[in-house]
C-alpha atoms as a PDB file:
ATOM      1  CA  MET A   1       0.034  -0.246   0.083  1.00  0.00           C
ATOM      2  CA  LYS A   2       2.784   2.487   1.089  1.00  0.00           C
ATOM      3  CA  LYS A   3       4.238   1.716  -2.254  1.00  0.00           C
ATOM      4  CA  GLU A   4       1.322   2.377  -4.332  1.00  0.00           C
ATOM      5  CA  ILE A   5       0.488   5.292  -2.739  1.00  0.00           C
ATOM      6  CA  GLY A   6       4.428   6.372  -3.440  1.00  0.00           C
ATOM      7  CA  ILE A   7       4.007   6.567  -6.613  1.00  0.00           C
ATOM      8  CA  MET A   8       0.858   7.550  -7.043  1.00  0.00           C
ATOM      9  CA  LYS A   9       1.871  10.840  -5.246  1.00  0.00           C
ATOM     10  CA  ASP A  10       4.890  10.704  -7.908  1.00  0.00           C
ATOM     11  CA  ILE A  11       3.099  10.536 -10.737  1.00  0.00           C
ATOM     12  CA  PHE A  12       0.640  13.150  -8.764  1.00  0.00           C
ATOM     13  CA  CYS A  13       3.882  15.705  -8.551  1.00  0.00           C
ATOM     14  CA  ARG A  14       5.473  14.415 -11.927  1.00  0.00           C
ATOM     15  CA  GLN A  15       1.904  15.850 -13.905  1.00  0.00           C
ATOM     16  CA  ILE A  16       2.109  19.077 -11.855  1.00  0.00           C
ATOM     17  CA  LYS A  17       5.494  20.161 -12.283  1.00  0.00           C
ATOM     18  CA  TRP A  18       4.726  19.195 -16.235  1.00  0.00           C
ATOM     19  CA  ASN A  19       1.863  21.521 -16.162  1.00  0.00           C
ATOM     20  CA  LEU A  20       3.249  23.990 -14.572  1.00  0.00           C
ATOM     21  CA  HIS A  21       5.661  23.701 -17.458  1.00  0.00           C
ATOM     22  CA  SER A  22       2.856  23.845 -19.703  1.00  0.00           C
ATOM     23  CA  ASN A  23       1.327  26.743 -18.518  1.00  0.00           C
ATOM     24  CA  ARG A  24       5.235  28.730 -18.662  1.00  0.00           C
ATOM     25  CA  LEU A  25       5.326  27.648 -21.777  1.00  0.00           C
ATOM     26  CA  LEU A  26       1.528  29.283 -22.540  1.00  0.00           C
ATOM     27  CA  LEU A  27       2.248  32.578 -20.924  1.00  0.00           C
ATOM     28  CA  PHE A  28       5.972  32.577 -22.496  1.00  0.00           C
ATOM     29  CA  VAL A  29       3.520  32.774 -25.772  1.00  0.00           C
ATOM     30  CA  LEU A  30       1.125  34.780 -25.318  1.00  0.00           C
ATOM     31  CA  PHE A  31       3.353  36.976 -23.892  1.00  0.00           C
ATOM     32  CA  ILE A  32       6.137  37.347 -26.618  1.00  0.00           C
ATOM     33  CA  PHE A  33       4.815  36.054 -29.492  1.00  0.00           C
ATOM     34  CA  PRO A  34       2.674  39.704 -29.942  1.00  0.00           C
ATOM     35  CA  ALA A  35       5.542  41.661 -29.058  1.00  0.00           C
ATOM     36  CA  TYR A  36       7.721  39.981 -31.583  1.00  0.00           C
ATOM     37  CA  ASN A  37       4.402  40.712 -34.167  1.00  0.00           C
ATOM     38  CA  PHE A  38       4.376  44.219 -33.244  1.00  0.00           C
ATOM     39  CA  ALA A  39       7.714  44.495 -33.619  1.00  0.00           C
ATOM     40  CA  LEU A  40       8.219  42.919 -37.294  1.00  0.00           C
ATOM     41  CA  ASN A  41       4.691  44.942 -38.350  1.00  0.00           C
ATOM     42  CA  ASN A  42       5.715  47.841 -36.247  1.00  0.00           C
ATOM     43  CA  ASN A  43       9.478  47.737 -38.873  1.00  0.00           C
ATOM     44  CA  ASN A  44       7.637  46.905 -42.209  1.00  0.00           C
ATOM     45  CA  GLN A  45       5.896  49.895 -41.560  1.00  0.00           C
ATOM     46  CA  CYS A  46       9.016  51.798 -41.367  1.00  0.00           C
ATOM     47  CA  ASP A  47       9.734  50.496 -45.494  1.00  0.00           C
ATOM     48  CA  ARG A  48       6.573  52.814 -46.875  1.00  0.00           C
ATOM     49  CA  PHE A  49       9.159  55.921 -45.456  1.00  0.00           C
ATOM     50  CA  HIS A  50      12.087  55.156 -47.826  1.00  0.00           C
ATOM     51  CA  VAL A  51      10.265  56.660 -51.479  1.00  0.00           C
ATOM     52  CA  GLY A  52       8.076  60.271 -51.412  1.00  0.00           C
ATOM     53  CA  THR A  53       7.070  63.625 -50.236  1.00  0.00           C
ATOM     54  CA  PHE A  54       7.291  64.047 -46.936  1.00  0.00           C
ATOM     55  CA  ILE A  55       7.380  67.347 -44.437  1.00  0.00           C
ATOM     56  CA  TYR A  56       8.585  68.859 -40.507  1.00  0.00           C
ATOM     57  CA  GLU A  57       9.455  71.587 -38.854  1.00  0.00           C
ATOM     58  CA  SER A  58      12.902  72.795 -37.435  1.00  0.00           C
ATOM     59  CA  LYS A  59      14.282  76.084 -35.890  1.00  0.00           C
ATOM     60  CA  VAL A  60      14.619  77.864 -38.721  1.00  0.00           C
ATOM     61  CA  GLY A  61      11.088  77.039 -40.646  1.00  0.00           C
ATOM     62  CA  LYS A  62       9.637  74.168 -42.333  1.00  0.00           C
ATOM     63  CA  ILE A  63      11.532  71.368 -44.037  1.00  0.00           C
ATOM     64  CA  ILE A  64       9.676  69.746 -47.718  1.00  0.00           C
ATOM     65  CA  ILE A  65      11.312  65.946 -47.597  1.00  0.00           C
ATOM     66  CA  ILE A  66      11.331  64.682 -51.313  1.00  0.00           C
ATOM     67  CA  ARG A  67      13.271  60.802 -51.037  1.00  0.00           C
ATOM     68  CA  LYS A  68      13.917  58.833 -53.714  1.00  0.00           C
ATOM     69  CA  GLU A  69      14.927  55.552 -53.130  1.00  0.00           C
ATOM     70  CA  LYS A  70      18.990  56.515 -53.101  1.00  0.00           C
ATOM     71  CA  GLU A  71      18.754  60.534 -52.645  1.00  0.00           C
ATOM     72  CA  GLU A  72      16.793  62.848 -50.921  1.00  0.00           C
ATOM     73  CA  ILE A  73      16.363  66.744 -50.962  1.00  0.00           C
ATOM     74  CA  ASP A  74      15.503  68.588 -48.234  1.00  0.00           C
ATOM     75  CA  TYR A  75      14.132  72.233 -48.952  1.00  0.00           C
ATOM     76  CA  ARG A  76      13.727  74.983 -47.029  1.00  0.00           C
ATOM     77  CA  GLU A  77      12.602  76.932 -49.580  1.00  0.00           C
ATOM     78  CA  TYR A  78      11.529  75.076 -52.877  1.00  0.00           C
ATOM     79  CA  PRO A  79      13.440  75.235 -55.198  1.00  0.00           C
ATOM     80  CA  ASN A  80      16.029  77.242 -54.113  1.00  0.00           C
ATOM     81  CA  HIS A  81      17.848  76.602 -50.457  1.00  0.00           C
ATOM     82  CA  TYR A  82      18.408  72.360 -50.572  1.00  0.00           C
ATOM     83  CA  ILE A  83      20.514  70.058 -49.029  1.00  0.00           C
ATOM     84  CA  ARG A  84      21.284  67.639 -51.407  1.00  0.00           C
ATOM     85  CA  GLN A  85      22.389  64.069 -49.612  1.00  0.00           C
ATOM     86  CA  SER A  86      22.492  60.027 -50.370  1.00  0.00           C
ATOM     87  CA  VAL A  87      20.635  58.048 -49.239  1.00  0.00           C
ATOM     88  CA  LYS A  88      21.482  54.259 -47.789  1.00  0.00           C
ATOM     89  CA  TRP A  89      18.695  51.903 -46.180  1.00  0.00           C
ATOM     90  CA  ILE A  90      20.909  49.731 -43.724  1.00  0.00           C
ATOM     91  CA  SER A  91      17.233  48.614 -42.245  1.00  0.00           C
ATOM     92  CA  SER A  92      13.958  48.406 -43.011  1.00  0.00           C
ATOM     93  CA  CYS A  93      14.028  51.777 -40.121  1.00  0.00           C
ATOM     94  CA  THR A  94      17.945  53.348 -40.546  1.00  0.00           C
ATOM     95  CA  ALA A  95      19.423  54.953 -43.110  1.00  0.00           C
ATOM     96  CA  GLU A  96      22.727  55.932 -43.332  1.00  0.00           C
ATOM     97  CA  ILE A  97      22.490  59.906 -44.779  1.00  0.00           C
ATOM     98  CA  LYS A  98      25.783  61.488 -46.571  1.00  0.00           C
ATOM     99  CA  THR A  99      25.939  65.396 -47.351  1.00  0.00           C
ATOM    100  CA  LEU A 100      26.356  65.694 -51.302  1.00  0.00           C
ATOM    101  CA  GLU A 101      25.077  68.749 -51.508  1.00  0.00           C
ATOM    102  CA  MET A 102      24.199  72.156 -50.062  1.00  0.00           C
ATOM    103  CA  ASN A 103      22.768  75.665 -51.218  1.00  0.00           C
ATOM    104  CA  ASP A 104      21.473  77.606 -48.459  1.00  0.00           C
ATOM    105  CA  PRO A 105      22.172  81.221 -47.589  1.00  0.00           C
ATOM    106  CA  ILE A 106      21.221  80.748 -44.081  1.00  0.00           C
ATOM    107  CA  LEU A 107      24.784  78.737 -43.402  1.00  0.00           C
ATOM    108  CA  SER A 108      28.038  79.941 -43.289  1.00  0.00           C
ATOM    109  CA  PRO A 109      30.795  78.726 -45.154  1.00  0.00           C
ATOM    110  CA  GLU A 110      32.664  76.570 -42.624  1.00  0.00           C
ATOM    111  CA  SER A 111      28.826  75.008 -41.591  1.00  0.00           C
ATOM    112  CA  ILE A 112      28.771  73.703 -45.684  1.00  0.00           C
ATOM    113  CA  ASN A 113      32.149  73.035 -46.026  1.00  0.00           C
ATOM    114  CA  ARG A 114      32.123  71.098 -42.448  1.00  0.00           C
ATOM    115  CA  SER A 115      28.574  69.041 -43.208  1.00  0.00           C
ATOM    116  CA  LEU A 116      29.612  68.075 -47.003  1.00  0.00           C
ATOM    117  CA  ASN A 117      30.468  64.230 -46.938  1.00  0.00           C
ATOM    118  CA  ALA A 118      29.309  64.114 -43.372  1.00  0.00           C
ATOM    119  CA  THR A 119      27.866  61.117 -42.790  1.00  0.00           C
ATOM    120  CA  SER A 120      25.025  60.446 -40.352  1.00  0.00           C
ATOM    121  CA  TYR A 121      21.818  57.873 -39.091  1.00  0.00           C
ATOM    122  CA  LEU A 122      18.329  58.555 -39.637  1.00  0.00           C
ATOM    123  CA  HIS A 123      16.977  55.925 -36.961  1.00  0.00           C
ATOM    124  CA  ILE A 124      12.581  55.538 -38.049  1.00  0.00           C
ATOM    125  CA  LEU A 125      11.270  55.256 -33.965  1.00  0.00           C
ATOM    126  CA  GLU A 126       7.819  54.717 -34.458  1.00  0.00           C
ATOM    127  CA  THR A 127       5.661  54.742 -37.579  1.00  0.00           C
ATOM    128  CA  TYR A 128       2.040  56.634 -37.733  1.00  0.00           C
ATOM    129  CA  PRO A 129      -1.048  56.720 -40.465  1.00  0.00           C
ATOM    130  CA  ASP A 130       0.606  60.552 -41.252  1.00  0.00           C
ATOM    131  CA  GLY A 131       4.279  59.693 -40.373  1.00  0.00           C
ATOM    132  CA  TYR A 132       7.357  58.722 -38.041  1.00  0.00           C
ATOM    133  CA  LEU A 133       9.068  59.970 -35.546  1.00  0.00           C
ATOM    134  CA  TYR A 134      12.814  59.528 -35.933  1.00  0.00           C
ATOM    135  CA  LYS A 135      15.963  60.940 -34.463  1.00  0.00           C
ATOM    136  CA  THR A 136      19.604  61.297 -36.089  1.00  0.00           C
ATOM    137  CA  THR A 137      22.787  60.295 -34.676  1.00  0.00           C
ATOM    138  CA  ASN A 138      26.698  60.822 -35.785  1.00  0.00           C
ATOM    139  CA  ARG A 139      29.101  58.162 -36.411  1.00  0.00           C
ATOM    140  CA  LYS A 140      29.940  57.882 -33.156  1.00  0.00           C
ATOM    141  CA  GLY A 141      26.004  57.224 -32.182  1.00  0.00           C
ATOM    142  CA  GLU A 142      25.795  60.235 -30.337  1.00  0.00           C
ATOM    143  CA  SER A 143      21.824  61.943 -31.085  1.00  0.00           C
ATOM    144  CA  ASP A 144      21.388  64.818 -33.442  1.00  0.00           C
ATOM    145  CA  SER A 145      17.783  65.486 -33.075  1.00  0.00           C
ATOM    146  CA  TYR A 146      14.687  64.365 -33.010  1.00  0.00           C
ATOM    147  CA  GLY A 147      11.109  64.743 -34.635  1.00  0.00           C
ATOM    148  CA  LYS A 148       8.605  64.200 -36.412  1.00  0.00           C
ATOM    149  CA  VAL A 149       7.942  63.875 -40.129  1.00  0.00           C
ATOM    150  CA  GLN A 150       4.360  63.769 -42.201  1.00  0.00           C
ATOM    151  CA  LEU A 151       3.758  63.089 -45.165  1.00  0.00           C
ATOM    152  CA  TYR A 152       3.316  65.942 -47.133  1.00  0.00           C
ATOM    153  CA  LYS A 153       0.321  66.604 -48.870  1.00  0.00           C
ATOM    154  CA  GLY A 154       0.945  70.496 -50.986  1.00  0.00           C
ATOM    155  CA  SER A 155       2.074  71.250 -54.473  1.00  0.00           C
ATOM    156  CA  LEU A 156       5.875  72.033 -54.845  1.00  0.00           C
END
């Protein structure tokens, strides 16, 4: 009888342990899968901002961005004052930006010379139906700026 009770106790303990492990697995799947799915969907939504016309507010006024697959031009006053940059997407939400040309009278010649051929990184942090939240960093990973860019619906 003691042997049977010991066996039943052993079976009962194994069943409880198995149930606990099953519940942990279920909880793991319930918490991790939605987070993974959100990250995956959010990253895929960055792709829609690789090409298009956008606008944002800066210290010097509104800036219009015309972004093509490998190039972007940022206009302060369309079409005369601009910054032309190359764009290389290194992930769905991160681009390497290199300044190629600048034509804006509010920038000093020293500032223009320092900026030409400089590389920075655009990080899309969050996407929205009408735009995205971003930050830019320099080569050292230091943050340069933050902001929100919206789809541009006006005419040029």
